[in-house]
Amino acid sequence: MKIVDGLQEVSDMRAEVAAREGFLEWVFTLPTGASPARAARDALDEVPGGCRHSRAAKAFLVMLTEVALDRVVSPVRRGGRAGRRLQ
């Protein structure tokens, strides 16, 4: 909530940059070994519903939501030569 509160006063001209900075601050303060998706869901649970948020705060919350939904794409191994023969 500290980051969201800090983003409430940011002008619309700096909204995207401030949201990214807030997101990086959030990421770098996660404990070692913590699940980012779980931490994002926990952080989103702390944000009170029905609040009006600045453009920067909304952008930050969208970033957290994407992490919470675990939309991070992981590389997929195709199987090398054996995998290509199957195609």
N, C-alpha and C. Protein backbone atom coordinates (compact mmCIF):
# COMPACT_ATOMS: atom_id res chain seq x y z
N MET A 1 0.82 -1.20 0.00
CA MET A 1 0.00 0.00 0.00
C MET A 1 0.86 1.26 0.00
N LYS A 2 2.07 1.18 0.53
CA LYS A 2 2.92 2.37 0.54
C LYS A 2 3.21 2.84 -0.88
N ILE A 3 3.46 1.91 -1.78
CA ILE A 3 3.76 2.28 -3.16
C ILE A 3 2.52 2.89 -3.81
N VAL A 4 1.36 2.28 -3.62
CA VAL A 4 0.11 2.81 -4.19
C VAL A 4 -0.15 4.21 -3.64
N ASP A 5 0.03 4.38 -2.35
CA ASP A 5 -0.17 5.71 -1.76
C ASP A 5 0.78 6.73 -2.35
N GLY A 6 2.03 6.35 -2.56
CA GLY A 6 3.01 7.25 -3.14
C GLY A 6 2.69 7.62 -4.58
N LEU A 7 2.06 6.72 -5.29
CA LEU A 7 1.71 6.97 -6.69
C LEU A 7 0.47 7.84 -6.86
N GLN A 8 -0.26 8.05 -5.79
CA GLN A 8 -1.49 8.85 -5.87
C GLN A 8 -1.20 10.31 -6.22
N GLU A 9 -0.04 10.80 -5.88
CA GLU A 9 0.28 12.21 -6.08
C GLU A 9 1.06 12.48 -7.37
N VAL A 10 1.31 11.46 -8.17
CA VAL A 10 2.11 11.60 -9.38
C VAL A 10 1.25 12.20 -10.49
N SER A 11 1.84 13.14 -11.24
CA SER A 11 1.11 13.75 -12.35
C SER A 11 0.91 12.74 -13.47
N ASP A 12 -0.10 12.97 -14.29
CA ASP A 12 -0.39 12.05 -15.39
C ASP A 12 0.76 11.98 -16.39
N MET A 13 1.54 13.05 -16.50
CA MET A 13 2.65 13.05 -17.44
C MET A 13 3.74 12.05 -17.04
N ARG A 14 3.89 11.79 -15.76
CA ARG A 14 4.91 10.85 -15.26
C ARG A 14 4.31 9.53 -14.82
N ALA A 15 3.06 9.30 -15.11
CA ALA A 15 2.35 8.13 -14.58
C ALA A 15 3.01 6.81 -14.94
N GLU A 16 3.30 6.59 -16.21
CA GLU A 16 3.87 5.30 -16.64
C GLU A 16 5.25 5.07 -16.05
N VAL A 17 6.08 6.10 -16.07
CA VAL A 17 7.43 5.96 -15.52
C VAL A 17 7.36 5.69 -14.02
N ALA A 18 6.53 6.43 -13.33
CA ALA A 18 6.40 6.24 -11.88
C ALA A 18 5.85 4.86 -11.55
N ALA A 19 4.91 4.38 -12.35
CA ALA A 19 4.34 3.04 -12.12
C ALA A 19 5.42 1.97 -12.30
N ARG A 20 6.24 2.10 -13.34
CA ARG A 20 7.34 1.14 -13.55
C ARG A 20 8.35 1.20 -12.40
N GLU A 21 8.66 2.41 -11.96
CA GLU A 21 9.59 2.55 -10.84
C GLU A 21 9.02 1.90 -9.58
N GLY A 22 7.73 2.11 -9.34
CA GLY A 22 7.07 1.49 -8.20
C GLY A 22 7.08 -0.02 -8.30
N PHE A 23 6.86 -0.53 -9.51
CA PHE A 23 6.87 -1.98 -9.72
C PHE A 23 8.25 -2.55 -9.45
N LEU A 24 9.29 -1.88 -9.97
CA LEU A 24 10.65 -2.36 -9.72
C LEU A 24 10.99 -2.32 -8.23
N GLU A 25 10.55 -1.27 -7.55
CA GLU A 25 10.77 -1.21 -6.10
C GLU A 25 10.10 -2.39 -5.42
N TRP A 26 8.87 -2.71 -5.83
CA TRP A 26 8.14 -3.84 -5.25
C TRP A 26 8.89 -5.14 -5.51
N VAL A 27 9.32 -5.35 -6.76
CA VAL A 27 10.02 -6.59 -7.12
C VAL A 27 11.30 -6.76 -6.32
N PHE A 28 12.09 -5.68 -6.22
CA PHE A 28 13.39 -5.79 -5.55
C PHE A 28 13.28 -5.88 -4.03
N THR A 29 12.11 -5.64 -3.49
CA THR A 29 11.95 -5.78 -2.04
C THR A 29 11.31 -7.12 -1.65
N LEU A 30 11.03 -7.96 -2.65
CA LEU A 30 10.50 -9.29 -2.33
C LEU A 30 11.58 -10.11 -1.63
N PRO A 31 11.19 -10.89 -0.65
CA PRO A 31 12.18 -11.75 0.01
C PRO A 31 12.74 -12.78 -0.96
N THR A 32 13.97 -13.17 -0.77
CA THR A 32 14.61 -14.17 -1.60
C THR A 32 13.80 -15.46 -1.56
N GLY A 33 13.52 -15.99 -2.73
CA GLY A 33 12.78 -17.25 -2.82
C GLY A 33 11.28 -17.10 -2.80
N ALA A 34 10.78 -15.87 -2.64
CA ALA A 34 9.33 -15.66 -2.60
C ALA A 34 8.72 -15.86 -3.98
N SER A 35 7.51 -16.33 -4.02
CA SER A 35 6.78 -16.49 -5.27
C SER A 35 6.21 -15.12 -5.67
N PRO A 36 6.65 -14.56 -6.79
CA PRO A 36 6.11 -13.26 -7.21
C PRO A 36 4.60 -13.28 -7.42
N ALA A 37 4.07 -14.36 -7.97
CA ALA A 37 2.63 -14.45 -8.20
C ALA A 37 1.87 -14.41 -6.86
N ARG A 38 2.35 -15.17 -5.90
CA ARG A 38 1.70 -15.20 -4.57
C ARG A 38 1.83 -13.83 -3.89
N ALA A 39 3.01 -13.23 -3.96
CA ALA A 39 3.22 -11.92 -3.35
C ALA A 39 2.34 -10.85 -4.01
N ALA A 40 2.17 -10.95 -5.33
CA ALA A 40 1.31 -9.99 -6.03
C ALA A 40 -0.14 -10.15 -5.60
N ARG A 41 -0.60 -11.40 -5.47
CA ARG A 41 -1.98 -11.62 -5.00
C ARG A 41 -2.17 -11.08 -3.60
N ASP A 42 -1.18 -11.30 -2.73
CA ASP A 42 -1.26 -10.77 -1.36
C ASP A 42 -1.30 -9.25 -1.37
N ALA A 43 -0.47 -8.63 -2.21
CA ALA A 43 -0.42 -7.18 -2.28
C ALA A 43 -1.75 -6.63 -2.81
N LEU A 44 -2.32 -7.28 -3.80
CA LEU A 44 -3.61 -6.82 -4.34
C LEU A 44 -4.73 -6.97 -3.32
N ASP A 45 -4.63 -7.98 -2.46
CA ASP A 45 -5.63 -8.17 -1.40
C ASP A 45 -5.62 -7.02 -0.39
N GLU A 46 -4.47 -6.36 -0.26
CA GLU A 46 -4.34 -5.25 0.69
C GLU A 46 -4.92 -3.94 0.17
N VAL A 47 -5.14 -3.85 -1.14
CA VAL A 47 -5.66 -2.61 -1.73
C VAL A 47 -7.16 -2.57 -1.50
N PRO A 48 -7.65 -1.54 -0.81
CA PRO A 48 -9.09 -1.47 -0.55
C PRO A 48 -9.88 -1.27 -1.84
N GLY A 49 -10.99 -1.95 -1.95
CA GLY A 49 -11.85 -1.82 -3.12
C GLY A 49 -12.61 -0.51 -3.09
N GLY A 50 -13.00 -0.05 -4.25
CA GLY A 50 -13.80 1.17 -4.34
C GLY A 50 -13.02 2.46 -4.21
N CYS A 51 -11.69 2.37 -4.07
CA CYS A 51 -10.88 3.59 -3.97
C CYS A 51 -10.65 4.16 -5.35
N ARG A 52 -10.55 5.46 -5.41
CA ARG A 52 -10.16 6.12 -6.66
C ARG A 52 -8.65 6.19 -6.67
N HIS A 53 -8.07 5.77 -7.77
CA HIS A 53 -6.62 5.75 -7.87
C HIS A 53 -6.18 6.67 -9.01
N SER A 54 -4.98 7.20 -8.86
CA SER A 54 -4.39 8.01 -9.91
C SER A 54 -4.03 7.11 -11.09
N ARG A 55 -3.71 7.71 -12.20
CA ARG A 55 -3.32 6.95 -13.39
C ARG A 55 -2.08 6.10 -13.09
N ALA A 56 -1.13 6.65 -12.35
CA ALA A 56 0.09 5.91 -12.01
C ALA A 56 -0.24 4.70 -11.12
N ALA A 57 -1.08 4.90 -10.13
CA ALA A 57 -1.45 3.80 -9.24
C ALA A 57 -2.20 2.71 -10.00
N LYS A 58 -3.08 3.11 -10.93
CA LYS A 58 -3.81 2.12 -11.73
C LYS A 58 -2.84 1.31 -12.59
N ALA A 59 -1.86 1.98 -13.19
CA ALA A 59 -0.88 1.27 -14.03
C ALA A 59 -0.07 0.28 -13.19
N PHE A 60 0.31 0.68 -11.98
CA PHE A 60 1.04 -0.21 -11.08
C PHE A 60 0.18 -1.42 -10.72
N LEU A 61 -1.08 -1.20 -10.44
CA LEU A 61 -1.98 -2.30 -10.07
C LEU A 61 -2.20 -3.25 -11.24
N VAL A 62 -2.19 -2.73 -12.47
CA VAL A 62 -2.29 -3.60 -13.65
C VAL A 62 -1.07 -4.50 -13.73
N MET A 63 0.10 -3.94 -13.47
CA MET A 63 1.34 -4.73 -13.49
C MET A 63 1.29 -5.83 -12.43
N LEU A 64 0.83 -5.48 -11.24
CA LEU A 64 0.71 -6.50 -10.18
C LEU A 64 -0.28 -7.58 -10.58
N THR A 65 -1.38 -7.18 -11.21
CA THR A 65 -2.40 -8.15 -11.63
C THR A 65 -1.83 -9.12 -12.64
N GLU A 66 -1.02 -8.63 -13.57
CA GLU A 66 -0.41 -9.52 -14.56
C GLU A 66 0.52 -10.53 -13.90
N VAL A 67 1.27 -10.09 -12.89
CA VAL A 67 2.14 -11.01 -12.17
C VAL A 67 1.30 -12.00 -11.36
N ALA A 68 0.23 -11.51 -10.74
CA ALA A 68 -0.63 -12.38 -9.93
C ALA A 68 -1.27 -13.47 -10.77
N LEU A 69 -1.57 -13.16 -12.03
CA LEU A 69 -2.17 -14.15 -12.91
C LEU A 69 -1.13 -15.08 -13.52
N ASP A 70 0.14 -14.83 -13.17
CA ASP A 70 1.26 -15.68 -13.59
C ASP A 70 1.30 -15.82 -15.11
N ARG A 71 1.25 -14.68 -15.78
CA ARG A 71 1.29 -14.67 -17.24
C ARG A 71 2.70 -14.64 -17.79
N VAL A 72 3.64 -14.92 -16.96
CA VAL A 72 5.03 -14.95 -17.40
C VAL A 72 5.23 -16.20 -18.24
N VAL A 73 5.76 -16.03 -19.42
CA VAL A 73 5.97 -17.15 -20.34
C VAL A 73 7.31 -17.80 -20.03
N SER A 74 7.27 -19.09 -19.83
CA SER A 74 8.49 -19.85 -19.58
C SER A 74 8.96 -20.48 -20.87
N PRO A 75 10.26 -20.56 -21.07
CA PRO A 75 10.75 -21.21 -22.28
C PRO A 75 10.37 -22.69 -22.29
N VAL A 76 10.08 -23.19 -23.46
CA VAL A 76 9.68 -24.59 -23.61
C VAL A 76 10.73 -25.30 -24.45
N ARG A 77 11.23 -26.38 -23.94
CA ARG A 77 12.20 -27.17 -24.69
C ARG A 77 11.47 -28.02 -25.71
N ARG A 78 11.95 -28.00 -26.92
CA ARG A 78 11.28 -28.72 -28.00
C ARG A 78 11.73 -30.16 -28.13
N GLY A 79 12.81 -30.53 -27.55
CA GLY A 79 13.25 -31.91 -27.60
C GLY A 79 14.37 -32.19 -28.56
N GLY A 80 14.97 -31.14 -29.12
CA GLY A 80 16.12 -31.35 -30.01
C GLY A 80 15.77 -32.15 -31.24
N ARG A 81 16.70 -32.96 -31.70
CA ARG A 81 16.52 -33.72 -32.94
C ARG A 81 15.33 -34.68 -32.83
N ALA A 82 15.17 -35.33 -31.70
CA ALA A 82 14.06 -36.27 -31.53
C ALA A 82 12.72 -35.56 -31.60
N GLY A 83 12.66 -34.36 -31.05
CA GLY A 83 11.42 -33.58 -31.10
C GLY A 83 11.08 -33.13 -32.50
N ARG A 84 12.08 -32.80 -33.29
CA ARG A 84 11.84 -32.37 -34.67
C ARG A 84 11.35 -33.53 -35.53
N ARG A 85 11.80 -34.74 -35.25
CA ARG A 85 11.35 -35.90 -36.03
C ARG A 85 9.87 -36.16 -35.83
N LEU A 86 9.35 -35.81 -34.68
CA LEU A 86 7.94 -36.06 -34.38
C LEU A 86 7.01 -35.10 -35.14
N GLN A 87 7.55 -34.00 -35.61
CA GLN A 87 6.70 -33.00 -36.26
C GLN A 87 6.38 -33.34 -37.64
